[in-house]
Protein backbone atom coordinates (compact mmCIF):
# COMPACT_ATOMS: atom_id res chain seq x y z
CA MET A 1 58.97 218.36 135.75
CA ASN A 2 62.63 217.54 135.25
CA THR A 3 65.12 219.60 137.07
CA LEU A 4 68.36 220.43 135.23
CA VAL A 5 71.26 219.34 137.35
CA LYS A 6 74.31 221.49 136.88
CA HIS A 7 77.58 219.59 137.30
CA PRO A 8 80.65 221.43 138.41
CA PHE A 9 82.98 222.39 135.56
CA SER A 10 85.71 220.07 136.86
CA THR A 11 83.33 217.10 136.73
CA VAL A 12 82.37 217.83 133.14
CA LEU A 13 86.02 218.24 132.21
CA TRP A 14 87.05 214.91 133.72
CA ASN A 15 84.14 213.17 132.07
CA ARG A 16 85.25 214.47 128.69
CA ILE A 17 88.85 213.48 129.36
CA PHE A 18 87.96 209.91 130.26
CA ARG A 19 85.34 209.53 127.51
CA TYR A 20 87.11 211.16 124.51
CA ILE A 21 90.71 212.12 125.12
CA LEU A 22 92.21 209.21 127.04
CA PRO A 23 91.05 206.54 124.55
CA GLY A 24 92.70 208.53 121.74
CA ILE A 25 95.89 208.86 123.73
CA GLN A 26 95.86 205.15 124.45
CA ARG A 27 95.45 204.33 120.77
CA ASN A 28 98.29 206.68 119.86
CA MET A 29 100.48 205.21 122.58
CA LEU A 30 99.85 201.75 121.18
CA TRP A 31 100.96 202.98 117.77
CA VAL A 32 104.08 204.56 119.28
CA ILE A 33 104.92 201.42 121.26
CA GLY A 34 104.38 199.27 118.18
CA PHE A 35 106.58 201.53 116.07
CA ILE A 36 109.38 201.45 118.67
CA PHE A 37 109.08 197.66 118.85
CA LEU A 38 109.39 197.27 115.08
CA CYS A 39 112.36 199.63 114.93
CA THR A 40 114.03 197.73 117.75
CA CYS A 41 113.45 194.40 116.01
CA ASN A 42 114.79 195.78 112.74
CA LYS A 43 117.86 197.17 114.50
CA ALA A 44 118.39 193.86 116.23
CA ASN A 45 118.11 192.08 112.89
CA GLN A 46 120.74 194.38 111.41
CA ASN A 47 123.03 193.88 114.40
CA VAL A 48 122.93 190.10 114.04
CA TYR A 49 125.72 190.47 111.50
CA ASP A 50 127.77 193.13 113.30
CA ASP A 51 131.36 192.04 113.98
CA VAL A 52 130.68 188.64 112.46
CA ASP A 53 133.39 186.02 112.16
CA VAL A 54 133.62 185.22 108.46
CA SER A 55 136.59 182.85 108.70
CA ASP A 56 134.43 179.77 108.18
CA VAL A 57 133.01 181.30 104.99
CA MET A 58 136.43 182.17 103.60
CA SER A 59 137.93 178.73 104.28
CA ARG A 60 135.92 177.31 101.40
CA GLU A 61 137.81 176.29 98.26
CA LEU A 62 136.88 176.83 94.64
CA PRO A 63 134.97 173.90 93.13
CA ARG A 64 137.03 171.46 91.09
CA ASN A 65 135.71 170.23 87.73
CA PRO A 66 132.05 170.99 88.38
CA GLN A 67 129.50 169.91 85.81
CA GLU A 68 128.39 173.54 85.70
CA LEU A 69 130.14 176.61 87.07
CA LYS A 70 128.04 179.61 88.13
CA ILE A 71 129.74 182.97 88.80
CA LEU A 72 127.99 186.14 89.99
CA GLY A 73 129.62 189.58 90.02
CA ILE A 74 128.09 192.29 92.24
CA GLY A 75 129.36 195.82 91.73
CA ASN A 76 129.07 198.81 89.46
CA SER A 77 130.38 199.89 86.06
CA TYR A 78 133.83 198.56 86.98
CA THR A 79 132.35 195.07 87.29
CA GLU A 80 130.67 195.60 83.93
CA ASP A 81 133.97 196.68 82.33
CA ALA A 82 135.65 193.56 83.70
CA MET A 83 133.02 190.95 82.91
CA LEU A 84 131.65 192.11 79.57
CA LEU A 85 134.08 190.17 77.34
CA LEU A 86 134.44 187.15 79.62
CA PRO A 87 131.82 185.12 77.69
CA ASN A 88 133.83 185.72 74.49
CA LEU A 89 136.92 184.17 76.07
CA LEU A 90 134.86 181.22 77.32
CA ASP A 91 133.41 180.70 73.87
CA SER A 92 136.84 180.80 72.23
CA ALA A 93 138.03 178.21 74.77
CA HIS A 94 135.03 175.99 73.89
CA ILE A 95 133.74 176.22 77.46
CA TYR A 96 129.96 176.00 77.51
CA ASN A 97 129.16 174.99 81.08
CA VAL A 98 129.75 178.37 82.73
CA THR A 99 126.88 180.70 83.63
CA LEU A 100 127.78 184.30 84.45
CA GLY A 101 125.59 186.77 86.30
CA MET A 102 126.25 190.50 86.50
CA LEU A 103 124.41 192.67 89.04
CA THR A 104 125.36 196.35 88.78
CA LEU A 105 124.41 199.77 90.06
CA GLY A 106 126.37 202.77 88.81
CA GLY A 107 128.67 204.29 91.45
CA ALA A 108 127.60 201.82 94.16
CA ALA A 109 129.95 201.27 97.09
CA LEU A 110 129.93 198.50 99.71
CA ASP A 111 127.81 200.53 102.11
CA THR A 112 125.33 201.19 99.29
CA HIS A 113 125.04 197.49 98.52
CA LEU A 114 124.44 196.65 102.17
CA ALA A 115 121.77 199.35 102.54
CA ASN A 116 120.05 198.18 99.35
CA TYR A 117 120.21 194.59 100.56
CA LEU A 118 118.53 195.49 103.86
CA ARG A 119 115.83 197.54 102.11
CA ASP A 120 115.40 195.04 99.26
CA SER A 121 115.74 197.96 96.84
CA HIS A 122 114.79 197.32 93.19
CA VAL A 123 117.60 199.42 91.72
CA TYR A 124 120.00 196.98 90.04
CA THR A 125 120.54 195.95 86.44
CA PHE A 126 120.87 192.18 86.14
CA GLU A 127 122.18 190.20 83.18
CA VAL A 128 123.09 186.55 82.73
CA THR A 129 124.81 184.56 80.02
CA LYS A 130 123.17 181.89 77.94
CA GLU A 131 125.37 180.01 75.48
CA ASN A 132 128.13 182.56 76.23
CA HIS A 133 126.06 185.61 75.31
CA TRP A 134 124.80 188.25 77.70
CA GLU A 135 121.04 188.50 78.01
CA PRO A 136 119.20 191.17 80.04
CA VAL A 137 116.97 189.97 82.87
CA SER A 138 115.82 193.15 84.60
CA THR A 139 116.68 196.80 85.24
CA SER A 140 114.89 196.80 88.62
CA TYR A 141 116.37 193.79 90.38
CA THR A 142 117.26 193.38 94.05
CA ILE A 143 120.32 191.68 95.49
CA SER A 144 118.03 189.01 96.94
CA ASP A 145 116.56 188.43 93.47
CA ALA A 146 120.03 187.86 92.05
CA ILE A 147 121.10 185.55 94.88
CA ASN A 148 117.96 183.47 94.45
CA TYR A 149 118.34 183.32 90.66
CA SER A 150 120.80 180.41 90.86
CA ASP A 151 122.88 178.33 93.26
CA TRP A 152 126.00 180.40 92.61
CA ASP A 153 129.40 178.75 93.09
CA ILE A 154 131.35 182.02 93.23
CA ILE A 155 130.27 185.56 94.12
CA ILE A 156 132.66 188.42 93.44
CA LEU A 157 132.44 191.78 95.24
CA GLN A 158 134.26 195.10 94.80
CA GLN A 159 134.54 198.53 96.39
CA VAL A 160 133.68 201.67 94.42
CA SER A 161 136.81 202.91 92.64
CA LYS A 162 137.25 206.21 94.51
CA TRP A 163 137.32 204.33 97.84
CA SER A 164 139.20 201.23 96.72
CA GLY A 165 142.38 202.60 98.26
CA GLN A 166 140.72 203.60 101.55
CA ILE A 167 140.42 200.54 103.78
CA LYS A 168 138.36 202.45 106.37
CA THR A 169 135.45 202.44 103.89
CA TYR A 170 135.35 198.64 103.63
CA GLN A 171 134.04 197.72 107.06
CA PRO A 172 131.71 196.82 108.66
CA TYR A 173 129.87 196.60 105.34
CA LEU A 174 132.00 193.90 103.72
CA ASP A 175 131.82 191.44 106.63
CA GLN A 176 128.05 191.86 106.80
CA LEU A 177 127.66 191.37 103.06
CA ILE A 178 129.84 188.26 103.16
CA ARG A 179 127.74 186.69 105.89
CA ARG A 180 124.40 187.59 104.33
CA LEU A 181 125.37 186.43 100.87
CA SER A 182 126.74 183.19 102.23
CA ASP A 183 123.67 182.55 104.37
CA HIS A 184 121.15 183.42 101.66
CA CYS A 185 122.76 181.63 98.72
CA SER A 186 121.20 178.22 98.12
CA ASN A 187 124.70 176.80 97.55
CA GLY A 188 125.98 176.22 101.08
CA ASN A 189 129.56 176.12 99.78
CA VAL A 190 129.51 179.36 97.80
CA VAL A 191 132.95 181.02 97.58
CA LEU A 192 133.31 184.77 98.03
CA GLY A 193 135.94 186.64 96.01
CA TRP A 194 137.23 190.18 95.46
CA HIS A 195 137.61 192.31 92.33
CA MET A 196 140.58 194.63 92.91
CA THR A 197 139.97 197.70 90.77
CA TRP A 198 142.49 199.91 88.94
CA ALA A 199 143.95 203.38 89.45
CA TYR A 200 142.79 206.43 87.53
CA ALA A 201 144.57 207.95 84.54
CA SER A 202 147.55 210.15 85.40
CA ASN A 203 145.92 213.23 83.85
CA TYR A 204 142.55 212.78 85.58
CA THR A 205 141.51 215.94 87.43
CA ASN A 206 138.26 214.98 89.14
CA GLY A 207 137.97 215.54 92.89
CA ASP A 208 137.69 211.79 93.51
CA PHE A 209 141.41 211.62 92.66
CA LYS A 210 142.38 214.30 95.21
CA SER A 211 142.71 211.92 98.17
CA TYR A 212 145.45 210.13 96.22
CA GLY A 213 147.32 213.36 95.46
CA TYR A 214 146.26 213.13 91.81
CA ASN A 215 148.96 210.48 91.50
CA GLN A 216 148.27 207.17 89.76
CA GLY A 217 151.13 205.38 91.48
CA ASN A 218 149.89 206.46 94.90
CA MET A 219 146.37 205.33 94.10
CA TYR A 220 147.53 201.92 92.89
CA SER A 221 149.71 201.46 95.99
CA GLN A 222 146.83 202.34 98.29
CA ILE A 223 144.49 199.96 96.44
CA VAL A 224 147.06 197.19 96.93
CA GLU A 225 147.50 198.02 100.63
CA SER A 226 143.73 198.14 101.18
CA THR A 227 143.21 194.84 99.36
CA GLN A 228 145.92 193.17 101.44
CA ALA A 229 144.43 194.57 104.66
CA MET A 230 140.96 193.44 103.58
CA GLN A 231 142.30 189.96 102.81
CA ALA A 232 143.97 189.72 106.22
CA LYS A 233 140.74 190.78 107.94
CA THR A 234 138.29 188.60 106.01
CA GLY A 235 140.44 185.73 104.80
CA ILE A 236 139.21 186.13 101.21
CA GLN A 237 141.51 184.01 99.06
CA VAL A 238 140.08 184.65 95.59
CA ILE A 239 141.51 188.00 94.51
CA ILE A 240 141.03 189.10 90.90
CA PRO A 241 143.95 191.54 90.43
CA SER A 242 142.42 193.75 87.74
CA GLY A 243 144.25 196.81 89.05
CA THR A 244 147.63 195.13 88.68
CA ALA A 245 146.77 193.79 85.21
CA ILE A 246 145.95 197.32 84.00
CA GLN A 247 149.16 198.72 85.52
CA ASN A 248 151.03 195.95 83.71
CA LEU A 249 149.35 196.88 80.44
CA ARG A 250 150.22 200.55 81.00
CA ASN A 251 153.87 199.52 80.93
CA THR A 252 153.54 198.26 77.35
CA PRO A 253 153.43 199.98 73.94
CA LEU A 254 149.62 199.61 74.05
CA ASN A 255 149.30 202.41 76.59
CA ASP A 256 147.81 205.67 75.29
CA SER A 257 147.39 209.30 76.39
CA MET A 258 144.43 208.36 78.61
CA ASP A 259 146.24 205.48 80.33
CA LEU A 260 143.87 203.00 78.71
CA THR A 261 140.70 204.66 80.02
CA ARG A 262 137.70 206.15 78.24
CA ASP A 263 137.23 209.04 80.63
CA GLY A 264 140.07 208.90 83.14
CA THR A 265 138.42 206.11 85.17
CA HIS A 266 136.50 203.54 83.10
CA ILE A 267 138.67 201.24 81.06
CA THR A 268 139.11 201.62 77.32
CA LEU A 269 137.20 199.41 74.93
CA GLY A 270 139.15 196.74 73.11
CA VAL A 271 142.48 195.92 74.77
CA GLY A 272 141.45 197.35 78.16
CA ARG A 273 138.27 195.35 78.65
CA TYR A 274 139.91 192.36 77.02
CA THR A 275 142.74 192.41 79.57
CA LEU A 276 140.25 192.63 82.43
CA ALA A 277 138.29 189.67 81.07
CA CYS A 278 141.56 187.76 80.73
CA THR A 279 142.32 188.49 84.39
CA TRP A 280 138.94 187.16 85.51
CA PHE A 281 139.36 184.11 83.28
CA GLN A 282 142.86 183.32 84.54
CA THR A 283 141.81 183.72 88.18
CA LEU A 284 138.68 181.59 88.04
CA ILE A 285 138.81 179.11 85.14
CA PRO A 286 142.13 177.20 85.43
CA PRO A 287 141.55 176.30 89.12
CA THR A 288 137.98 175.15 88.49
CA LEU A 289 137.91 173.76 84.95
CA GLY A 290 141.60 173.25 84.19
CA VAL A 291 141.63 175.43 81.07
CA ASP A 292 144.40 178.05 80.79
CA LEU A 293 144.16 181.45 79.17
CA ALA A 294 147.37 181.28 77.14
CA GLY A 295 146.71 180.97 73.41
CA ASN A 296 143.02 181.85 73.64
CA ARG A 297 142.05 183.10 70.17
CA CYS A 298 139.39 185.61 71.24
CA ARG A 299 139.70 188.97 69.48
CA GLU A 300 137.91 192.31 69.87
CA GLN A 301 137.66 194.93 67.14
CA ILE A 302 136.22 198.00 68.90
CA GLY A 303 138.16 200.69 70.73
CA ILE A 304 141.85 199.79 70.61
CA PRO A 305 141.43 196.51 68.71
CA VAL A 306 142.71 193.19 70.01
CA THR A 307 144.61 191.70 67.09
CA ASP A 308 146.89 188.80 66.26
CA ASN A 309 149.79 191.18 66.87
CA ASN A 310 148.87 192.39 70.37
CA TYR A 311 146.60 189.84 72.07
CA THR A 312 149.56 188.11 73.74
CA ILE A 313 150.55 191.43 75.37
CA CYS A 314 147.12 191.64 76.98
CA GLN A 315 147.14 188.02 78.04
CA GLN A 316 150.61 188.31 79.54
CA ALA A 317 149.58 191.43 81.48
CA ALA A 318 146.73 189.40 82.99
CA ILE A 319 148.75 186.23 83.62
CA GLN A 320 151.59 188.12 85.28
CA ALA A 321 149.08 189.94 87.48
CA CYS A 322 147.56 186.64 88.56
CA ASN A 323 151.03 185.28 89.34
CA ASN A 324 152.01 188.44 91.28
CA LYS A 325 148.76 190.05 92.40
CA PHE A 326 150.28 193.01 94.19
CA GLU A 327 153.34 193.76 92.09
CA VAL A 328 153.54 195.52 88.73
CA SER A 329 155.61 193.80 86.05
CA GLN A 330 157.90 195.59 83.65
CA GLN A 331 157.29 194.32 80.11
């Protein structure tokens, strides 16, 4: 006859702890330790590019007379406004060896681009040119996808318009983007450039304009100062002075009640986008392919039309901006 042995309560409790509870705690601790390790590694990976020296990247020169020239713009709707008519100018100049890429996300700032790069976020619209016509590639592209699409010769960045005149918003994001883009591009000599955006219309009342005192002149001046400070910090030599080109155009009879914008911020169709495309052309094409903008016969019939009577005004606004990037001309 078996005798039931009664164990003290404390013995039963410790048996249960060692048999059931401790193994569960150990498993959970392993999960916690693993999670902390992964987070630490990810943080370390992000910090690799903190306070990077980008001087070696910015010492690179634009390619001279390449068999094919490949230019990628990364930005938002301001990059789209600037690049949209660039293929038309190339076509009119009988230039057929340039491939353009345009990677955009509405309202994206430098910090947004960096965060999306780190997360490999599929949030960008990507288009490329074939035979000087834009063709859609994807509406859910990543920055890595775009970088890997081609061995880009030139990559152009920009800050979101509302922060373009606030240099404190540029770093550390810009330095980290420069290093990552340079390291990840298959072209080891890729050149990084900067798209300097334009000031808002004088009668714009949105809160984004408040930090500039609702004053177009103040906003333009702060964009210039921020661009110059950015250039001194990074060494970026390729500056596309779109903001100065638009201010130049606003000093001509082509200016209108909206200061050549569609909504107070985005540039008007026709002469506005045409002038931006001229500025990109004049900055990038003569140094690389030896073809000047002057006399280009490209025209545009939507918005404020580009005609035989006014195209030279637009071209001169762009050319003068490229000659004096940070100074408005009086036409």
